[in-house]
C-alpha atoms as a PDB file:
ATOM      1  CA  UNK A   1     -81.680  70.759 142.249  1.00  0.00           C
ATOM      2  CA  UNK A   2     -78.297  70.034 140.577  1.00  0.00           C
ATOM      3  CA  UNK A   3     -77.274  67.513 142.692  1.00  0.00           C
ATOM      4  CA  UNK A   4     -80.777  65.538 142.043  1.00  0.00           C
ATOM      5  CA  UNK A   5     -80.324  65.839 138.698  1.00  0.00           C
ATOM      6  CA  UNK A   6     -76.446  64.638 138.407  1.00  0.00           C
ATOM      7  CA  UNK A   7     -77.056  61.623 140.621  1.00  0.00           C
ATOM      8  CA  UNK A   8     -80.117  60.665 138.875  1.00  0.00           C
ATOM      9  CA  UNK A   9     -78.172  61.317 135.302  1.00  0.00           C
ATOM     10  CA  UNK A  10     -75.192  59.086 136.748  1.00  0.00           C
ATOM     11  CA  UNK A  11     -77.633  56.254 137.653  1.00  0.00           C
ATOM     12  CA  UNK A  12     -79.286  56.417 134.286  1.00  0.00           C
ATOM     13  CA  UNK A  13     -76.170  56.544 132.260  1.00  0.00           C
ATOM     14  CA  UNK A  14     -74.459  53.769 134.128  1.00  0.00           C
ATOM     15  CA  UNK A  15     -77.403  51.866 134.232  1.00  0.00           C
ATOM     16  CA  UNK A  16     -78.812  52.549 130.707  1.00  0.00           C
ATOM     17  CA  UNK A  17     -80.186  49.129 130.068  1.00  0.00           C
ATOM     18  CA  UNK A  18     -82.100  49.028 133.256  1.00  0.00           C
ATOM     19  CA  UNK A  19     -83.699  52.296 132.607  1.00  0.00           C
ATOM     20  CA  UNK A  20     -84.311  51.519 128.929  1.00  0.00           C
ATOM     21  CA  UNK A  21     -86.378  48.548 130.120  1.00  0.00           C
ATOM     22  CA  UNK A  22     -88.428  51.430 132.231  1.00  0.00           C
ATOM     23  CA  UNK A  23     -88.353  53.236 129.586  1.00  0.00           C
ATOM     24  CA  UNK A  24     -90.052  50.734 127.380  1.00  0.00           C
ATOM     25  CA  UNK A  25     -92.488  49.523 129.945  1.00  0.00           C
ATOM     26  CA  UNK A  26     -93.657  53.523 129.783  1.00  0.00           C
ATOM     27  CA  UNK A  27     -94.229  53.079 125.952  1.00  0.00           C
ATOM     28  CA  UNK A  28     -91.498  55.714 125.119  1.00  0.00           C
ATOM     29  CA  UNK A  29     -89.058  54.823 121.932  1.00  0.00           C
ATOM     30  CA  UNK A  30     -85.615  54.686 121.251  1.00  0.00           C
ATOM     31  CA  UNK A  31     -84.375  52.032 123.891  1.00  0.00           C
ATOM     32  CA  UNK A  32     -80.804  52.519 125.130  1.00  0.00           C
ATOM     33  CA  UNK A  33     -80.321  55.281 123.055  1.00  0.00           C
ATOM     34  CA  UNK A  34     -83.032  57.282 124.805  1.00  0.00           C
ATOM     35  CA  UNK A  35     -82.013  56.215 127.695  1.00  0.00           C
ATOM     36  CA  UNK A  36     -78.596  57.367 127.067  1.00  0.00           C
ATOM     37  CA  UNK A  37     -79.965  61.201 125.763  1.00  0.00           C
ATOM     38  CA  UNK A  38     -81.928  61.217 129.062  1.00  0.00           C
ATOM     39  CA  UNK A  39     -78.797  60.439 131.396  1.00  0.00           C
ATOM     40  CA  UNK A  40     -77.029  62.848 129.127  1.00  0.00           C
ATOM     41  CA  UNK A  41     -79.352  65.593 129.887  1.00  0.00           C
ATOM     42  CA  UNK A  42     -80.017  65.073 133.016  1.00  0.00           C
ATOM     43  CA  UNK A  43     -76.117  65.047 134.127  1.00  0.00           C
ATOM     44  CA  UNK A  44     -75.042  67.498 132.048  1.00  0.00           C
ATOM     45  CA  UNK A  45     -77.982  69.747 132.647  1.00  0.00           C
ATOM     46  CA  UNK A  46     -77.255  69.237 136.565  1.00  0.00           C
ATOM     47  CA  UNK A  47     -73.515  70.307 136.345  1.00  0.00           C
ATOM     48  CA  UNK A  48     -74.422  72.972 134.307  1.00  0.00           C
ATOM     49  CA  UNK A  49     -76.945  74.218 137.253  1.00  0.00           C
ATOM     50  CA  UNK A  50     -74.688  73.602 139.334  1.00  0.00           C
ATOM     51  CA  UNK A  51     -71.599  75.874 138.225  1.00  0.00           C
ATOM     52  CA  UNK A  52     -73.991  78.312 136.714  1.00  0.00           C
ATOM     53  CA  UNK A  53     -73.365  77.936 132.962  1.00  0.00           C
ATOM     54  CA  UNK A  54     -76.153  79.320 130.814  1.00  0.00           C
ATOM     55  CA  UNK A  55     -78.080  79.214 133.869  1.00  0.00           C
ATOM     56  CA  UNK A  56     -81.212  80.735 132.631  1.00  0.00           C
ATOM     57  CA  UNK A  57     -81.420  78.235 129.800  1.00  0.00           C
ATOM     58  CA  UNK A  58     -80.519  75.086 130.709  1.00  0.00           C
ATOM     59  CA  UNK A  59     -83.284  75.845 133.902  1.00  0.00           C
ATOM     60  CA  UNK A  60     -85.876  76.138 131.128  1.00  0.00           C
ATOM     61  CA  UNK A  61     -84.617  73.059 129.641  1.00  0.00           C
ATOM     62  CA  UNK A  62     -84.759  71.156 132.834  1.00  0.00           C
ATOM     63  CA  UNK A  63     -88.367  72.734 133.551  1.00  0.00           C
ATOM     64  CA  UNK A  64     -89.607  71.620 129.962  1.00  0.00           C
ATOM     65  CA  UNK A  65     -88.203  68.040 130.161  1.00  0.00           C
ATOM     66  CA  UNK A  66     -89.421  67.892 134.015  1.00  0.00           C
ATOM     67  CA  UNK A  67     -93.022  68.663 132.830  1.00  0.00           C
ATOM     68  CA  UNK A  68     -92.471  65.859 130.272  1.00  0.00           C
ATOM     69  CA  UNK A  69     -91.166  63.260 132.838  1.00  0.00           C
ATOM     70  CA  UNK A  70     -94.622  64.266 134.853  1.00  0.00           C
ATOM     71  CA  UNK A  71     -96.579  63.657 131.563  1.00  0.00           C
ATOM     72  CA  UNK A  72     -94.794  60.071 130.546  1.00  0.00           C
ATOM     73  CA  UNK A  73     -94.092  58.655 134.230  1.00  0.00           C
ATOM     74  CA  UNK A  74     -95.522  59.961 136.973  1.00  0.00           C
ATOM     75  CA  UNK A  75     -99.395  60.668 136.420  1.00  0.00           C
ATOM     76  CA  UNK A  76     -99.986  57.296 137.878  1.00  0.00           C
ATOM     77  CA  UNK A  77     -98.145  58.904 141.488  1.00  0.00           C
ATOM     78  CA  UNK A  78     -99.628  62.168 142.484  1.00  0.00           C
ATOM     79  CA  UNK A  79     -96.839  62.589 145.337  1.00  0.00           C
ATOM     80  CA  UNK A  80     -94.450  61.977 142.717  1.00  0.00           C
ATOM     81  CA  UNK A  81     -95.734  64.343 139.992  1.00  0.00           C
ATOM     82  CA  UNK A  82     -96.270  66.777 142.363  1.00  0.00           C
ATOM     83  CA  UNK A  83     -92.393  66.662 143.951  1.00  0.00           C
ATOM     84  CA  UNK A  84     -91.623  66.769 139.839  1.00  0.00           C
ATOM     85  CA  UNK A  85     -94.011  69.977 139.630  1.00  0.00           C
ATOM     86  CA  UNK A  86     -91.896  72.076 142.496  1.00  0.00           C
ATOM     87  CA  UNK A  87     -88.893  71.731 140.384  1.00  0.00           C
ATOM     88  CA  UNK A  88     -90.344  72.836 137.127  1.00  0.00           C
ATOM     89  CA  UNK A  89     -91.363  76.212 139.907  1.00  0.00           C
ATOM     90  CA  UNK A  90     -87.547  76.167 141.624  1.00  0.00           C
ATOM     91  CA  UNK A  91     -86.201  75.506 137.523  1.00  0.00           C
ATOM     92  CA  UNK A  92     -88.496  78.305 136.511  1.00  0.00           C
ATOM     93  CA  UNK A  93     -87.442  80.873 139.150  1.00  0.00           C
ATOM     94  CA  UNK A  94     -83.700  79.920 138.173  1.00  0.00           C
ATOM     95  CA  UNK A  95     -84.495  80.577 134.819  1.00  0.00           C
ATOM     96  CA  UNK A  96     -86.027  83.817 135.765  1.00  0.00           C
ATOM     97  CA  UNK A  97     -83.393  85.191 138.164  1.00  0.00           C
ATOM     98  CA  UNK A  98     -80.426  83.581 136.059  1.00  0.00           C
ATOM     99  CA  UNK A  99     -77.137  82.662 138.273  1.00  0.00           C
ATOM    100  CA  UNK A 100     -75.359  84.271 140.588  1.00  0.00           C
ATOM    101  CA  UNK A 101     -72.545  86.383 140.788  1.00  0.00           C
ATOM    102  CA  UNK A 102     -69.942  83.370 141.850  1.00  0.00           C
ATOM    103  CA  UNK A 103     -71.205  81.241 138.496  1.00  0.00           C
ATOM    104  CA  UNK A 104     -69.408  80.657 135.422  1.00  0.00           C
ATOM    105  CA  UNK A 105     -72.272  83.459 133.908  1.00  0.00           C
ATOM    106  CA  UNK A 106     -71.448  85.645 136.723  1.00  0.00           C
ATOM    107  CA  UNK A 107     -67.950  86.152 135.927  1.00  0.00           C
ATOM    108  CA  UNK A 108     -68.506  86.406 132.370  1.00  0.00           C
ATOM    109  CA  UNK A 109     -70.965  89.066 132.966  1.00  0.00           C
ATOM    110  CA  UNK A 110     -67.945  91.268 134.970  1.00  0.00           C
ATOM    111  CA  UNK A 111     -65.057  90.699 132.036  1.00  0.00           C
END
């Protein structure tokens, strides 16, 4: 799941103007600032999940964010909505279980 968010967030950060236009077409306020905020959340949240840093917190934040994207952008496309709902489920499981032994969180528990 982390790679999905890293790649998507990077695309939003490097193409913020285009993504801001898409957000505006959905009625989401904030323009380019919102595009950068969403891109940063996806990119850095994905990186945090990848390395296992603050995994439980980040997983719950990304689950809530993904529910928001379902409601804001994917209600007209049920296939995309269901795909995102499965991602929400994955993040909720990750939030409940936490990171593995080789993660940053796992190393800090041992120290």
